[in-house]
Structures are given as structure tokens and as C-alpha cells.
Amino acid sequence: FNQAPGAPIPAYKKRWFQSAAFRRAISGAINRADLCRLAMNGHAVPAAGPVSPANQTWVNRDLKPHAFDPQASRRELEKAGFRKVAGGLTDSEGHVVAFSLVTN
């Protein structure tokens, strides 16, 4: 999530991305095991940080992948002021939550 102050995104989205609660909730809504199974045909393990487990020199083996728990993610978002509405989710100011994920 782009948290750079000069990023060309609306200020309200920057607030979402700078919120640890928002980032934790989104992380908990990602089923990493399914991604490994489907996208990598089972030839991967869930990542626990920005460094691949294959990088033996720099990987932090003490980190564990965030648990997949969509219900806990929903509760965390609600606690942070986000609300479920018809067709999606809004923040406390009424902005519809939408963003793009771009990966390699």
C-alpha cells in the first residue's frame, strides 16, 4: 500500500494505507495457502514478509504468515470505522473502499 505523502492518490486512501488496522485486516483477508496452491501450482509457501523464504541469507524465519481469518478482518475494519453497505464497504467519511493490487 502506497503510504508516500506525495503519492498521486486521494488523501482518504492514504489514511487507509497508513492505518495499521486497515493493513492487518486486508492481510488477514488474503488466503495465502490458496494463492500458493492455485497460482503457483503448489510450488510455493506462504510469505511472511518481503523476503522470499528461498533467500536463506536474509529471510527472517521468526516471522509467520498472517493467519487467514476473514471474520476477524471484518471485525477489525468495523472497529476502525469502516462499515458494510450495499455493494461494498465504506470508510467513516462515506468513501467506498476500492483499490488495485499490482504484483509481479
PDB file of N, CA and C in Angstrom:
ATOM      1  N   PHE A   1       0.836  -1.181   0.000  1.00  0.00           N
ATOM      2  CA  PHE A   1       0.000   0.000   0.000  1.00  0.00           C
ATOM      3  C   PHE A   1       0.882   1.246   0.000  1.00  0.00           C
ATOM      4  N   ASN A   2       0.622   2.115  -0.958  1.00  0.00           N
ATOM      5  CA  ASN A   2       1.427   3.317  -1.101  1.00  0.00           C
ATOM      6  C   ASN A   2       1.101   4.303   0.021  1.00  0.00           C
ATOM      7  N   GLN A   3       2.072   4.529   0.894  1.00  0.00           N
ATOM      8  CA  GLN A   3       1.898   5.433   2.019  1.00  0.00           C
ATOM      9  C   GLN A   3       2.693   6.725   1.846  1.00  0.00           C
ATOM     10  N   ALA A   4       3.344   6.876   0.699  1.00  0.00           N
ATOM     11  CA  ALA A   4       4.177   8.058   0.470  1.00  0.00           C
ATOM     12  C   ALA A   4       3.321   9.325   0.461  1.00  0.00           C
ATOM     13  N   PRO A   5       3.739  10.350   1.197  1.00  0.00           N
ATOM     14  CA  PRO A   5       2.961  11.585   1.249  1.00  0.00           C
ATOM     15  C   PRO A   5       2.696  12.188  -0.129  1.00  0.00           C
ATOM     16  N   GLY A   6       3.617  12.045  -1.062  1.00  0.00           N
ATOM     17  CA  GLY A   6       3.451  12.631  -2.399  1.00  0.00           C
ATOM     18  C   GLY A   6       2.783  11.714  -3.406  1.00  0.00           C
ATOM     19  N   ALA A   7       2.289  10.575  -2.968  1.00  0.00           N
ATOM     20  CA  ALA A   7       1.654   9.631  -3.894  1.00  0.00           C
ATOM     21  C   ALA A   7       0.431  10.267  -4.551  1.00  0.00           C
ATOM     22  N   PRO A   8       0.226  10.004  -5.839  1.00  0.00           N
ATOM     23  CA  PRO A   8      -0.903  10.615  -6.545  1.00  0.00           C
ATOM     24  C   PRO A   8      -2.225   9.871  -6.310  1.00  0.00           C
ATOM     25  N   ILE A   9      -2.579   9.726  -5.037  1.00  0.00           N
ATOM     26  CA  ILE A   9      -3.836   9.075  -4.666  1.00  0.00           C
ATOM     27  C   ILE A   9      -4.571   9.989  -3.687  1.00  0.00           C
ATOM     28  N   PRO A  10      -5.884   9.847  -3.571  1.00  0.00           N
ATOM     29  CA  PRO A  10      -6.637  10.714  -2.652  1.00  0.00           C
ATOM     30  C   PRO A  10      -6.147  10.590  -1.213  1.00  0.00           C
ATOM     31  N   ALA A  11      -6.231  11.677  -0.478  1.00  0.00           N
ATOM     32  CA  ALA A  11      -5.779  11.715   0.919  1.00  0.00           C
ATOM     33  C   ALA A  11      -6.496  10.666   1.768  1.00  0.00           C
ATOM     34  N   TYR A  12      -7.789  10.431   1.502  1.00  0.00           N
ATOM     35  CA  TYR A  12      -8.512   9.454   2.319  1.00  0.00           C
ATOM     36  C   TYR A  12      -7.960   8.047   2.113  1.00  0.00           C
ATOM     37  N   LYS A  13      -7.496   7.729   0.899  1.00  0.00           N
ATOM     38  CA  LYS A  13      -6.890   6.409   0.673  1.00  0.00           C
ATOM     39  C   LYS A  13      -5.541   6.322   1.378  1.00  0.00           C
ATOM     40  N   LYS A  14      -4.789   7.407   1.395  1.00  0.00           N
ATOM     41  CA  LYS A  14      -3.515   7.412   2.126  1.00  0.00           C
ATOM     42  C   LYS A  14      -3.769   7.126   3.605  1.00  0.00           C
ATOM     43  N   ARG A  15      -4.863   7.691   4.142  1.00  0.00           N
ATOM     44  CA  ARG A  15      -5.190   7.422   5.552  1.00  0.00           C
ATOM     45  C   ARG A  15      -5.469   5.933   5.753  1.00  0.00           C
ATOM     46  N   TRP A  16      -6.182   5.313   4.820  1.00  0.00           N
ATOM     47  CA  TRP A  16      -6.423   3.870   4.938  1.00  0.00           C
ATOM     48  C   TRP A  16      -5.088   3.139   4.963  1.00  0.00           C
ATOM     49  N   PHE A  17      -4.245   3.432   3.973  1.00  0.00           N
ATOM     50  CA  PHE A  17      -2.992   2.697   3.803  1.00  0.00           C
ATOM     51  C   PHE A  17      -2.021   2.935   4.952  1.00  0.00           C
ATOM     52  N   GLN A  18      -2.129   4.077   5.619  1.00  0.00           N
ATOM     53  CA  GLN A  18      -1.274   4.370   6.764  1.00  0.00           C
ATOM     54  C   GLN A  18      -1.812   3.758   8.053  1.00  0.00           C
ATOM     55  N   SER A  19      -3.009   3.233   8.013  1.00  0.00           N
ATOM     56  CA  SER A  19      -3.626   2.637   9.196  1.00  0.00           C
ATOM     57  C   SER A  19      -3.180   1.189   9.364  1.00  0.00           C
ATOM     58  N   ALA A  20      -2.521   0.899  10.476  1.00  0.00           N
ATOM     59  CA  ALA A  20      -2.085  -0.479  10.751  1.00  0.00           C
ATOM     60  C   ALA A  20      -3.287  -1.418  10.825  1.00  0.00           C
ATOM     61  N   ALA A  21      -4.400  -0.942  11.370  1.00  0.00           N
ATOM     62  CA  ALA A  21      -5.606  -1.778  11.469  1.00  0.00           C
ATOM     63  C   ALA A  21      -6.115  -2.154  10.081  1.00  0.00           C
ATOM     64  N   PHE A  22      -6.136  -1.202   9.164  1.00  0.00           N
ATOM     65  CA  PHE A  22      -6.588  -1.474   7.797  1.00  0.00           C
ATOM     66  C   PHE A  22      -5.659  -2.496   7.136  1.00  0.00           C
ATOM     67  N   ARG A  23      -4.352  -2.275   7.250  1.00  0.00           N
ATOM     68  CA  ARG A  23      -3.394  -3.193   6.616  1.00  0.00           C
ATOM     69  C   ARG A  23      -3.484  -4.594   7.214  1.00  0.00           C
ATOM     70  N   ARG A  24      -3.643  -4.695   8.538  1.00  0.00           N
ATOM     71  CA  ARG A  24      -3.796  -6.017   9.175  1.00  0.00           C
ATOM     72  C   ARG A  24      -5.067  -6.707   8.695  1.00  0.00           C
ATOM     73  N   ALA A  25      -6.157  -5.947   8.594  1.00  0.00           N
ATOM     74  CA  ALA A  25      -7.431  -6.520   8.156  1.00  0.00           C
ATOM     75  C   ALA A  25      -7.328  -7.043   6.726  1.00  0.00           C
ATOM     76  N   ILE A  26      -6.736  -6.276   5.849  1.00  0.00           N
ATOM     77  CA  ILE A  26      -6.589  -6.726   4.458  1.00  0.00           C
ATOM     78  C   ILE A  26      -5.680  -7.947   4.409  1.00  0.00           C
ATOM     79  N   SER A  27      -4.613  -7.927   5.174  1.00  0.00           N
ATOM     80  CA  SER A  27      -3.704  -9.071   5.203  1.00  0.00           C
ATOM     81  C   SER A  27      -4.412 -10.336   5.673  1.00  0.00           C
ATOM     82  N   GLY A  28      -5.268 -10.199   6.684  1.00  0.00           N
ATOM     83  CA  GLY A  28      -5.997 -11.356   7.203  1.00  0.00           C
ATOM     84  C   GLY A  28      -7.064 -11.870   6.262  1.00  0.00           C
ATOM     85  N   ALA A  29      -7.429 -11.059   5.259  1.00  0.00           N
ATOM     86  CA  ALA A  29      -8.445 -11.473   4.288  1.00  0.00           C
ATOM     87  C   ALA A  29      -7.834 -12.162   3.064  1.00  0.00           C
ATOM     88  N   ILE A  30      -6.521 -12.286   3.050  1.00  0.00           N
ATOM     89  CA  ILE A  30      -5.841 -12.934   1.922  1.00  0.00           C
ATOM     90  C   ILE A  30      -5.544 -14.381   2.280  1.00  0.00           C
ATOM     91  N   ASN A  31      -6.037 -15.294   1.468  1.00  0.00           N
ATOM     92  CA  ASN A  31      -5.794 -16.710   1.695  1.00  0.00           C
ATOM     93  C   ASN A  31      -4.493 -17.102   0.987  1.00  0.00           C
ATOM     94  N   ARG A  32      -3.394 -16.961   1.688  1.00  0.00           N
ATOM     95  CA  ARG A  32      -2.081 -17.207   1.110  1.00  0.00           C
ATOM     96  C   ARG A  32      -1.894 -18.667   0.677  1.00  0.00           C
ATOM     97  N   ALA A  33      -2.444 -19.581   1.450  1.00  0.00           N
ATOM     98  CA  ALA A  33      -2.307 -21.003   1.086  1.00  0.00           C
ATOM     99  C   ALA A  33      -2.977 -21.271  -0.262  1.00  0.00           C
ATOM    100  N   ASP A  34      -4.140 -20.677  -0.499  1.00  0.00           N
ATOM    101  CA  ASP A  34      -4.808 -20.843  -1.793  1.00  0.00           C
ATOM    102  C   ASP A  34      -4.003 -20.207  -2.918  1.00  0.00           C
ATOM    103  N   LEU A  35      -3.406 -19.061  -2.661  1.00  0.00           N
ATOM    104  CA  LEU A  35      -2.572 -18.436  -3.687  1.00  0.00           C
ATOM    105  C   LEU A  35      -1.409 -19.345  -4.063  1.00  0.00           C
ATOM    106  N   CYS A  36      -0.776 -19.925  -3.063  1.00  0.00           N
ATOM    107  CA  CYS A  36       0.336 -20.838  -3.333  1.00  0.00           C
ATOM    108  C   CYS A  36      -0.135 -22.057  -4.117  1.00  0.00           C
ATOM    109  N   ARG A  37      -1.283 -22.567  -3.724  1.00  0.00           N
ATOM    110  CA  ARG A  37      -1.815 -23.771  -4.370  1.00  0.00           C
ATOM    111  C   ARG A  37      -2.273 -23.488  -5.798  1.00  0.00           C
ATOM    112  N   LEU A  38      -3.008 -22.401  -5.990  1.00  0.00           N
ATOM    113  CA  LEU A  38      -3.597 -22.125  -7.302  1.00  0.00           C
ATOM    114  C   LEU A  38      -2.644 -21.413  -8.259  1.00  0.00           C
ATOM    115  N   ALA A  39      -2.040 -20.338  -7.803  1.00  0.00           N
ATOM    116  CA  ALA A  39      -1.200 -19.540  -8.686  1.00  0.00           C
ATOM    117  C   ALA A  39       0.157 -20.184  -8.944  1.00  0.00           C
ATOM    118  N   MET A  40       0.656 -20.901  -7.960  1.00  0.00           N
ATOM    119  CA  MET A  40       1.990 -21.488  -8.096  1.00  0.00           C
ATOM    120  C   MET A  40       1.940 -23.013  -8.201  1.00  0.00           C
ATOM    121  N   ASN A  41       0.736 -23.551  -8.382  1.00  0.00           N
ATOM    122  CA  ASN A  41       0.561 -24.992  -8.547  1.00  0.00           C
ATOM    123  C   ASN A  41       1.180 -25.782  -7.392  1.00  0.00           C
ATOM    124  N   GLY A  42       1.109 -25.190  -6.192  1.00  0.00           N
ATOM    125  CA  GLY A  42       1.619 -25.868  -5.009  1.00  0.00           C
ATOM    126  C   GLY A  42       3.126 -25.798  -4.832  1.00  0.00           C
ATOM    127  N   HIS A  43       3.806 -25.064  -5.708  1.00  0.00           N
ATOM    128  CA  HIS A  43       5.273 -24.977  -5.629  1.00  0.00           C
ATOM    129  C   HIS A  43       5.734 -23.720  -4.907  1.00  0.00           C
ATOM    130  N   ALA A  44       5.030 -23.342  -3.860  1.00  0.00           N
ATOM    131  CA  ALA A  44       5.383 -22.154  -3.088  1.00  0.00           C
ATOM    132  C   ALA A  44       4.903 -22.351  -1.660  1.00  0.00           C
ATOM    133  N   VAL A  45       5.386 -21.501  -0.780  1.00  0.00           N
ATOM    134  CA  VAL A  45       4.914 -21.472   0.602  1.00  0.00           C
ATOM    135  C   VAL A  45       4.458 -20.042   0.889  1.00  0.00           C
ATOM    136  N   PRO A  46       3.482 -19.871   1.773  1.00  0.00           N
ATOM    137  CA  PRO A  46       3.020 -18.517   2.087  1.00  0.00           C
ATOM    138  C   PRO A  46       4.152 -17.635   2.617  1.00  0.00           C
ATOM    139  N   ALA A  47       4.194 -16.415   2.117  1.00  0.00           N
ATOM    140  CA  ALA A  47       5.222 -15.476   2.531  1.00  0.00           C
ATOM    141  C   ALA A  47       4.844 -14.822   3.858  1.00  0.00           C
ATOM    142  N   ALA A  48       5.853 -14.508   4.650  1.00  0.00           N
ATOM    143  CA  ALA A  48       5.635 -13.858   5.939  1.00  0.00           C
ATOM    144  C   ALA A  48       6.272 -12.475   5.969  1.00  0.00           C
ATOM    145  N   GLY A  49       6.789 -12.035   4.858  1.00  0.00           N
ATOM    146  CA  GLY A  49       7.434 -10.733   4.792  1.00  0.00           C
ATOM    147  C   GLY A  49       7.896 -10.473   3.379  1.00  0.00           C
ATOM    148  N   PRO A  50       8.644  -9.413   3.196  1.00  0.00           N
ATOM    149  CA  PRO A  50       9.056  -9.043   1.840  1.00  0.00           C
ATOM    150  C   PRO A  50      10.185  -9.895   1.265  1.00  0.00           C
ATOM    151  N   VAL A  51      10.824 -10.719   2.086  1.00  0.00           N
ATOM    152  CA  VAL A  51      11.944 -11.536   1.621  1.00  0.00           C
ATOM    153  C   VAL A  51      11.472 -12.978   1.447  1.00  0.00           C
ATOM    154  N   SER A  52      11.758 -13.545   0.291  1.00  0.00           N
ATOM    155  CA  SER A  52      11.373 -14.922  -0.006  1.00  0.00           C
ATOM    156  C   SER A  52      12.054 -15.902   0.947  1.00  0.00           C
ATOM    157  N   PRO A  53      11.328 -16.949   1.370  1.00  0.00           N
ATOM    158  CA  PRO A  53      11.963 -17.977   2.202  1.00  0.00           C
ATOM    159  C   PRO A  53      13.126 -18.667   1.491  1.00  0.00           C
ATOM    160  N   ALA A  54      13.146 -18.561   0.164  1.00  0.00           N
ATOM    161  CA  ALA A  54      14.254 -19.154  -0.597  1.00  0.00           C
ATOM    162  C   ALA A  54      15.555 -18.386  -0.402  1.00  0.00           C
ATOM    163  N   ASN A  55      15.466 -17.139   0.034  1.00  0.00           N
ATOM    164  CA  ASN A  55      16.659 -16.328   0.269  1.00  0.00           C
ATOM    165  C   ASN A  55      17.190 -16.655   1.661  1.00  0.00           C
ATOM    166  N   GLN A  56      18.004 -17.671   1.739  1.00  0.00           N
ATOM    167  CA  GLN A  56      18.500 -18.185   3.010  1.00  0.00           C
ATOM    168  C   GLN A  56      19.285 -17.158   3.822  1.00  0.00           C
ATOM    169  N   THR A  57      19.927 -16.226   3.151  1.00  0.00           N
ATOM    170  CA  THR A  57      20.762 -15.250   3.843  1.00  0.00           C
ATOM    171  C   THR A  57      19.944 -14.196   4.580  1.00  0.00           C
ATOM    172  N   TRP A  58      18.870 -13.710   3.970  1.00  0.00           N
ATOM    173  CA  TRP A  58      18.168 -12.550   4.513  1.00  0.00           C
ATOM    174  C   TRP A  58      16.792 -12.839   5.091  1.00  0.00           C
ATOM    175  N   VAL A  59      16.233 -14.003   4.864  1.00  0.00           N
ATOM    176  CA  VAL A  59      14.881 -14.268   5.355  1.00  0.00           C
ATOM    177  C   VAL A  59      14.871 -14.334   6.889  1.00  0.00           C
ATOM    178  N   ASN A  60      13.824 -13.787   7.472  1.00  0.00           N
ATOM    179  CA  ASN A  60      13.650 -13.844   8.921  1.00  0.00           C
ATOM    180  C   ASN A  60      12.727 -15.028   9.229  1.00  0.00           C
ATOM    181  N   ARG A  61      13.278 -16.118   9.672  1.00  0.00           N
ATOM    182  CA  ARG A  61      12.497 -17.342   9.904  1.00  0.00           C
ATOM    183  C   ARG A  61      11.570 -17.229  11.124  1.00  0.00           C
ATOM    184  N   ASP A  62      11.755 -16.191  11.933  1.00  0.00           N
ATOM    185  CA  ASP A  62      10.873 -15.985  13.085  1.00  0.00           C
ATOM    186  C   ASP A  62       9.519 -15.396  12.691  1.00  0.00           C
ATOM    187  N   LEU A  63       9.445 -14.796  11.514  1.00  0.00           N
ATOM    188  CA  LEU A  63       8.170 -14.241  11.045  1.00  0.00           C
ATOM    189  C   LEU A  63       7.266 -15.372  10.578  1.00  0.00           C
ATOM    190  N   LYS A  64       5.990 -15.256  10.878  1.00  0.00           N
ATOM    191  CA  LYS A  64       4.996 -16.242  10.443  1.00  0.00           C
ATOM    192  C   LYS A  64       3.972 -15.535   9.561  1.00  0.00           C
ATOM    193  N   PRO A  65       3.452 -16.219   8.531  1.00  0.00           N
ATOM    194  CA  PRO A  65       2.424 -15.588   7.695  1.00  0.00           C
ATOM    195  C   PRO A  65       1.209 -15.199   8.525  1.00  0.00           C
ATOM    196  N   HIS A  66       0.590 -14.093   8.152  1.00  0.00           N
ATOM    197  CA  HIS A  66      -0.621 -13.643   8.824  1.00  0.00           C
ATOM    198  C   HIS A  66      -1.716 -14.677   8.592  1.00  0.00           C
ATOM    199  N   ALA A  67      -2.441 -15.029   9.621  1.00  0.00           N
ATOM    200  CA  ALA A  67      -3.486 -16.052   9.518  1.00  0.00           C
ATOM    201  C   ALA A  67      -4.646 -15.566   8.654  1.00  0.00           C
ATOM    202  N   PHE A  68      -5.167 -16.442   7.822  1.00  0.00           N
ATOM    203  CA  PHE A  68      -6.353 -16.153   7.014  1.00  0.00           C
ATOM    204  C   PHE A  68      -7.570 -16.236   7.919  1.00  0.00           C
ATOM    205  N   ASP A  69      -8.219 -15.090   8.152  1.00  0.00           N
ATOM    206  CA  ASP A  69      -9.386 -15.050   9.028  1.00  0.00           C
ATOM    207  C   ASP A  69     -10.282 -13.892   8.597  1.00  0.00           C
ATOM    208  N   PRO A  70     -11.122 -14.125   7.578  1.00  0.00           N
ATOM    209  CA  PRO A  70     -11.959 -13.042   7.057  1.00  0.00           C
ATOM    210  C   PRO A  70     -12.896 -12.432   8.095  1.00  0.00           C
ATOM    211  N   GLN A  71     -13.409 -13.235   9.022  1.00  0.00           N
ATOM    212  CA  GLN A  71     -14.313 -12.688  10.048  1.00  0.00           C
ATOM    213  C   GLN A  71     -13.566 -11.734  10.977  1.00  0.00           C
ATOM    214  N   ALA A  72     -12.352 -12.111  11.381  1.00  0.00           N
ATOM    215  CA  ALA A  72     -11.549 -11.225  12.228  1.00  0.00           C
ATOM    216  C   ALA A  72     -11.187  -9.951  11.457  1.00  0.00           C
ATOM    217  N   SER A  73     -10.917 -10.084  10.163  1.00  0.00           N
ATOM    218  CA  SER A  73     -10.619  -8.915   9.335  1.00  0.00           C
ATOM    219  C   SER A  73     -11.808  -7.965   9.292  1.00  0.00           C
ATOM    220  N   ARG A  74     -12.998  -8.511   9.124  1.00  0.00           N
ATOM    221  CA  ARG A  74     -14.205  -7.688   9.092  1.00  0.00           C
ATOM    222  C   ARG A  74     -14.391  -6.964  10.426  1.00  0.00           C
ATOM    223  N   ARG A  75     -14.179  -7.683  11.529  1.00  0.00           N
ATOM    224  CA  ARG A  75     -14.321  -7.050  12.858  1.00  0.00           C
ATOM    225  C   ARG A  75     -13.295  -5.930  13.025  1.00  0.00           C
ATOM    226  N   GLU A  76     -12.077  -6.164  12.564  1.00  0.00           N
ATOM    227  CA  GLU A  76     -11.032  -5.143  12.694  1.00  0.00           C
ATOM    228  C   GLU A  76     -11.376  -3.902  11.864  1.00  0.00           C
ATOM    229  N   LEU A  77     -11.907  -4.106  10.671  1.00  0.00           N
ATOM    230  CA  LEU A  77     -12.319  -2.969   9.843  1.00  0.00           C
ATOM    231  C   LEU A  77     -13.464  -2.204  10.503  1.00  0.00           C
ATOM    232  N   GLU A  78     -14.431  -2.927  11.051  1.00  0.00           N
ATOM    233  CA  GLU A  78     -15.553  -2.257  11.728  1.00  0.00           C
ATOM    234  C   GLU A  78     -15.059  -1.453  12.924  1.00  0.00           C
ATOM    235  N   LYS A  79     -14.128  -2.026  13.672  1.00  0.00           N
ATOM    236  CA  LYS A  79     -13.554  -1.332  14.838  1.00  0.00           C
ATOM    237  C   LYS A  79     -12.818  -0.057  14.408  1.00  0.00           C
ATOM    238  N   ALA A  80     -12.249  -0.089  13.192  1.00  0.00           N
ATOM    239  CA  ALA A  80     -11.509   1.063  12.667  1.00  0.00           C
ATOM    240  C   ALA A  80     -12.427   2.084  11.992  1.00  0.00           C
ATOM    241  N   GLY A  81     -13.750   1.836  12.008  1.00  0.00           N
ATOM    242  CA  GLY A  81     -14.689   2.809  11.469  1.00  0.00           C
ATOM    243  C   GLY A  81     -15.229   2.505  10.089  1.00  0.00           C
ATOM    244  N   PHE A  82     -14.853   1.377   9.510  1.00  0.00           N
ATOM    245  CA  PHE A  82     -15.374   1.002   8.201  1.00  0.00           C
ATOM    246  C   PHE A  82     -16.716   0.300   8.391  1.00  0.00           C
ATOM    247  N   ARG A  83     -17.611   0.485   7.418  1.00  0.00           N
ATOM    248  CA  ARG A  83     -18.951  -0.081   7.516  1.00  0.00           C
ATOM    249  C   ARG A  83     -19.332  -0.806   6.237  1.00  0.00           C
ATOM    250  N   LYS A  84     -19.995  -1.950   6.405  1.00  0.00           N
ATOM    251  CA  LYS A  84     -20.510  -2.687   5.260  1.00  0.00           C
ATOM    252  C   LYS A  84     -21.779  -1.996   4.779  1.00  0.00           C
ATOM    253  N   VAL A  85     -21.858  -1.753   3.483  1.00  0.00           N
ATOM    254  CA  VAL A  85     -23.045  -1.162   2.859  1.00  0.00           C
ATOM    255  C   VAL A  85     -23.391  -2.003   1.639  1.00  0.00           C
ATOM    256  N   ALA A  86     -24.561  -1.768   1.100  1.00  0.00           N
ATOM    257  CA  ALA A  86     -24.954  -2.499  -0.109  1.00  0.00           C
ATOM    258  C   ALA A  86     -23.888  -2.302  -1.176  1.00  0.00           C
ATOM    259  N   GLY A  87     -23.345  -3.384  -1.651  1.00  0.00           N
ATOM    260  CA  GLY A  87     -22.348  -3.305  -2.715  1.00  0.00           C
ATOM    261  C   GLY A  87     -20.924  -3.093  -2.253  1.00  0.00           C
ATOM    262  N   GLY A  88     -20.655  -3.121  -0.959  1.00  0.00           N
ATOM    263  CA  GLY A  88     -19.265  -2.982  -0.563  1.00  0.00           C
ATOM    264  C   GLY A  88     -19.029  -2.509   0.849  1.00  0.00           C
ATOM    265  N   LEU A  89     -18.010  -1.686   0.985  1.00  0.00           N
ATOM    266  CA  LEU A  89     -17.533  -1.217   2.279  1.00  0.00           C
ATOM    267  C   LEU A  89     -17.239   0.270   2.142  1.00  0.00           C
ATOM    268  N   THR A  90     -17.531   1.042   3.190  1.00  0.00           N
ATOM    269  CA  THR A  90     -17.189   2.465   3.180  1.00  0.00           C
ATOM    270  C   THR A  90     -16.371   2.802   4.424  1.00  0.00           C
ATOM    271  N   ASP A  91     -15.622   3.894   4.310  1.00  0.00           N
ATOM    272  CA  ASP A  91     -14.907   4.382   5.488  1.00  0.00           C
ATOM    273  C   ASP A  91     -15.840   5.283   6.282  1.00  0.00           C
ATOM    274  N   SER A  92     -15.334   5.860   7.355  1.00  0.00           N
ATOM    275  CA  SER A  92     -16.170   6.683   8.232  1.00  0.00           C
ATOM    276  C   SER A  92     -16.655   7.968   7.559  1.00  0.00           C
ATOM    277  N   GLU A  93     -16.022   8.343   6.445  1.00  0.00           N
ATOM    278  CA  GLU A  93     -16.424   9.547   5.713  1.00  0.00           C
ATOM    279  C   GLU A  93     -17.356   9.217   4.544  1.00  0.00           C
ATOM    280  N   GLY A  94     -17.671   7.929   4.348  1.00  0.00           N
ATOM    281  CA  GLY A  94     -18.570   7.523   3.273  1.00  0.00           C
ATOM    282  C   GLY A  94     -17.896   7.164   1.965  1.00  0.00           C
ATOM    283  N   HIS A  95     -16.555   7.163   1.932  1.00  0.00           N
ATOM    284  CA  HIS A  95     -15.847   6.772   0.709  1.00  0.00           C
ATOM    285  C   HIS A  95     -15.911   5.256   0.536  1.00  0.00           C
ATOM    286  N   VAL A  96     -16.250   4.826  -0.665  1.00  0.00           N
ATOM    287  CA  VAL A  96     -16.281   3.395  -0.959  1.00  0.00           C
ATOM    288  C   VAL A  96     -14.843   2.881  -0.984  1.00  0.00           C
ATOM    289  N   VAL A  97     -14.614   1.767  -0.315  1.00  0.00           N
ATOM    290  CA  VAL A  97     -13.280   1.180  -0.268  1.00  0.00           C
ATOM    291  C   VAL A  97     -13.035   0.411  -1.558  1.00  0.00           C
ATOM    292  N   ALA A  98     -12.049   0.885  -2.311  1.00  0.00           N
ATOM    293  CA  ALA A  98     -11.640   0.239  -3.556  1.00  0.00           C
ATOM    294  C   ALA A  98     -10.181   0.600  -3.802  1.00  0.00           C
ATOM    295  N   PHE A  99      -9.416  -0.379  -4.227  1.00  0.00           N
ATOM    296  CA  PHE A  99      -8.011  -0.144  -4.559  1.00  0.00           C
ATOM    297  C   PHE A  99      -7.551  -1.274  -5.479  1.00  0.00           C
ATOM    298  N   SER A 100      -6.425  -1.077  -6.132  1.00  0.00           N
ATOM    299  CA  SER A 100      -5.860  -2.082  -7.034  1.00  0.00           C
ATOM    300  C   SER A 100      -4.637  -2.696  -6.395  1.00  0.00           C
ATOM    301  N   LEU A 101      -4.468  -3.975  -6.618  1.00  0.00           N
ATOM    302  CA  LEU A 101      -3.245  -4.669  -6.201  1.00  0.00           C
ATOM    303  C   LEU A 101      -2.471  -5.010  -7.472  1.00  0.00           C
ATOM    304  N   VAL A 102      -1.229  -4.576  -7.516  1.00  0.00           N
ATOM    305  CA  VAL A 102      -0.385  -4.854  -8.665  1.00  0.00           C
ATOM    306  C   VAL A 102       0.794  -5.687  -8.167  1.00  0.00           C
ATOM    307  N   THR A 103       0.981  -6.841  -8.757  1.00  0.00           N
ATOM    308  CA  THR A 103       2.080  -7.712  -8.357  1.00  0.00           C
ATOM    309  C   THR A 103       2.871  -8.152  -9.566  1.00  0.00           C
ATOM    310  N   ASN A 104       3.994  -8.798  -9.322  1.00  0.00           N
ATOM    311  CA  ASN A 104       4.777  -9.330 -10.433  1.00  0.00           C
ATOM    312  C   ASN A 104       4.160 -10.631 -10.904  1.00  0.00           C
TER     313      ASN A 104
END
